[in-house]
Every structure is written in C-alpha cells, then in structure tokens.
Amino acid sequence: LIEEIHKRPPLWNFKLPLSERTMQAKKKLWEEIKTAMNNTIDIATMKKKWKSLCDTYRTYKSKQQKPSGSAGTSQKKWVHFERMKFLSDM
C-alpha cells in the first residue's frame, strides 16, 4: 500500500496545486491502487490503513526528534519508518 500511494503524489503531497488534488482525481487514484492490489482490499479500508500509517509515522518521527534523557534509552525503529520517509520530503 505504501509504495502504491507513494507513486501517486496527489494522495499525500499537499504542496501540489488543488487542481491536481480534486476529489475526482483522488478517487481515480484510489481505484488504481485497488486494482494494483488485485482488488483484495476495499477503498475505505485502504484509506483507514493509510491514515493509521501516517499517524504512526508522525508519532515515531516526533519521538526521534526529541532528545533522549541522560539514560539514553534506544528507540526501537518502526518497521515502515524508512518506507514512509517520503512524507518528510515535502
């Protein structure tokens, strides 16, 4: 799902002009993703999963930016963190 969404910037890049991010355009892109995933997951579920992935990414990113205490406990890296870094490139 992450790779398919990454290929379609209007779904995640809010810096693009609104004309490229219309509801119709995004609906078409979600349909493309559904097809690319062999129709194994419905669009509502994909959107919910994508929101969850974005929320988790933001949480882990903010944890990394905070200085650790003097004890210096290491933060376990989230499995999808590297694949979601394209969200930070905006």
Foldseek 3Di string as FASTA:
>chain_A
DLVLVVVPCLVQPPVDDVVCNDPVNVVVSLVVVCVVVVVPDDSVVVVVVVVVVVVVLVVVVVVVPDDDDPVPDDDDDDPCNVSNCVNVVD
